[in-house]
Amino acid sequence: MRFLGKGGFAKCYEVRRLEPIECEEDETKTMALKVVPKANLTRTKARQKLTSEIKIHRSLNNEYVVRFDRYFEDKENVYIMLDICHN
């Protein structure tokens, strides 16, 4: 993993996805992983904002919008996996 940057409530890393991806010849793929600490989501409004971001982003399919892959969470963080945009 390589650190890419941070925003208001999350950090973003470049990661290598190791599980196979449908229609991909290469089984590994570089992705961007947005990591949101659950400690930043203690207020209801912050949690709703993240839920809305995920809901909206997963519904978009446009060549000018970064492709949403999936999200998942553990005890400490919510993770949002996106296609990586270089430069």
Protein backbone atom coordinates (compact mmCIF):
# COMPACT_ATOMS: atom_id res chain seq x y z
CA MET A 1 0.00 0.00 0.00
CA ARG A 2 1.08 3.53 -0.75
CA PHE A 3 -0.41 6.64 0.87
CA LEU A 4 -2.02 8.94 -1.73
CA GLY A 5 -3.53 11.71 0.37
CA LYS A 6 -6.17 12.73 2.86
CA GLY A 7 -9.36 14.70 2.96
CA GLY A 8 -11.68 16.00 5.64
CA PHE A 9 -12.47 12.66 7.23
CA ALA A 10 -10.60 9.95 5.29
CA LYS A 11 -7.22 8.84 3.99
CA CYS A 12 -6.64 7.28 0.59
CA TYR A 13 -4.15 4.56 -0.32
CA GLU A 14 -3.05 2.84 -3.50
CA VAL A 15 -3.57 -0.90 -3.04
CA ARG A 16 -3.19 -4.01 -5.13
CA ARG A 17 -6.33 -6.08 -5.39
CA LEU A 18 -5.39 -9.76 -5.41
CA GLU A 19 -8.72 -11.48 -6.00
CA PRO A 20 -9.78 -12.11 -9.60
CA ILE A 21 -11.87 -9.47 -11.31
CA GLU A 22 -14.43 -10.49 -13.92
CA CYS A 23 -13.36 -9.78 -17.51
CA GLU A 24 -9.82 -8.88 -16.45
CA GLU A 25 -6.86 -10.78 -17.87
CA ASP A 26 -4.61 -9.68 -15.03
CA GLU A 27 -5.82 -11.08 -11.73
CA THR A 28 -4.28 -8.20 -9.80
CA LYS A 29 -5.29 -4.60 -10.23
CA THR A 30 -4.19 -1.34 -8.66
CA MET A 31 -7.08 0.36 -6.90
CA ALA A 32 -7.64 3.34 -4.61
CA LEU A 33 -8.83 2.51 -1.10
CA LYS A 34 -10.52 5.26 0.88
CA VAL A 35 -10.30 4.55 4.62
CA VAL A 36 -12.81 6.29 6.89
CA PRO A 37 -12.25 5.80 10.65
CA LYS A 38 -15.49 4.99 12.43
CA ALA A 39 -14.34 7.39 15.15
CA ASN A 40 -15.10 10.15 12.62
CA LEU A 41 -18.67 8.86 12.23
CA THR A 42 -19.90 9.29 15.79
CA ARG A 43 -22.34 12.04 14.80
CA THR A 44 -25.47 10.83 13.00
CA LYS A 45 -25.01 13.46 10.29
CA ALA A 46 -21.49 12.24 9.47
CA ARG A 47 -22.69 8.63 9.19
CA GLN A 48 -25.62 9.69 6.96
CA LYS A 49 -23.23 11.68 4.75
CA LEU A 50 -21.00 8.62 4.25
CA THR A 51 -24.01 6.39 3.56
CA SER A 52 -25.25 8.89 0.95
CA GLU A 53 -21.80 9.09 -0.66
CA ILE A 54 -21.68 5.31 -1.03
CA LYS A 55 -25.25 5.08 -2.31
CA ILE A 56 -24.77 7.83 -4.91
CA HIS A 57 -21.31 6.73 -6.03
CA ARG A 58 -22.30 3.08 -6.55
CA SER A 59 -25.23 4.18 -8.74
CA LEU A 60 -23.07 6.24 -11.13
CA ASN A 61 -21.75 4.85 -14.39
CA ASN A 62 -20.01 7.57 -16.39
CA GLU A 63 -16.63 7.73 -18.07
CA TYR A 64 -15.89 11.02 -16.27
CA VAL A 65 -16.61 9.70 -12.75
CA VAL A 66 -14.25 7.40 -10.86
CA ARG A 67 -15.73 3.89 -10.85
CA PHE A 68 -16.94 2.61 -7.49
CA ASP A 69 -15.97 -1.02 -6.92
CA ARG A 70 -17.23 -1.91 -3.45
CA TYR A 71 -17.25 -0.96 0.19
CA PHE A 72 -16.75 -2.97 3.34
CA GLU A 73 -16.07 -2.33 6.99
CA ASP A 74 -14.49 -3.76 10.11
CA LYS A 75 -14.65 -2.76 13.75
CA GLU A 76 -12.54 0.38 13.26
CA ASN A 77 -12.99 1.61 9.65
CA VAL A 78 -15.22 1.81 6.60
CA TYR A 79 -13.34 1.09 3.35
CA ILE A 80 -14.39 2.32 -0.09
CA MET A 81 -12.60 0.74 -3.06
CA LEU A 82 -12.45 2.79 -6.26
CA ASP A 83 -10.61 2.71 -9.56
CA ILE A 84 -7.39 4.65 -9.22
CA CYS A 85 -6.85 7.89 -11.14
CA HIS A 86 -3.18 8.57 -11.81
CA ASN A 87 -1.95 12.18 -12.06
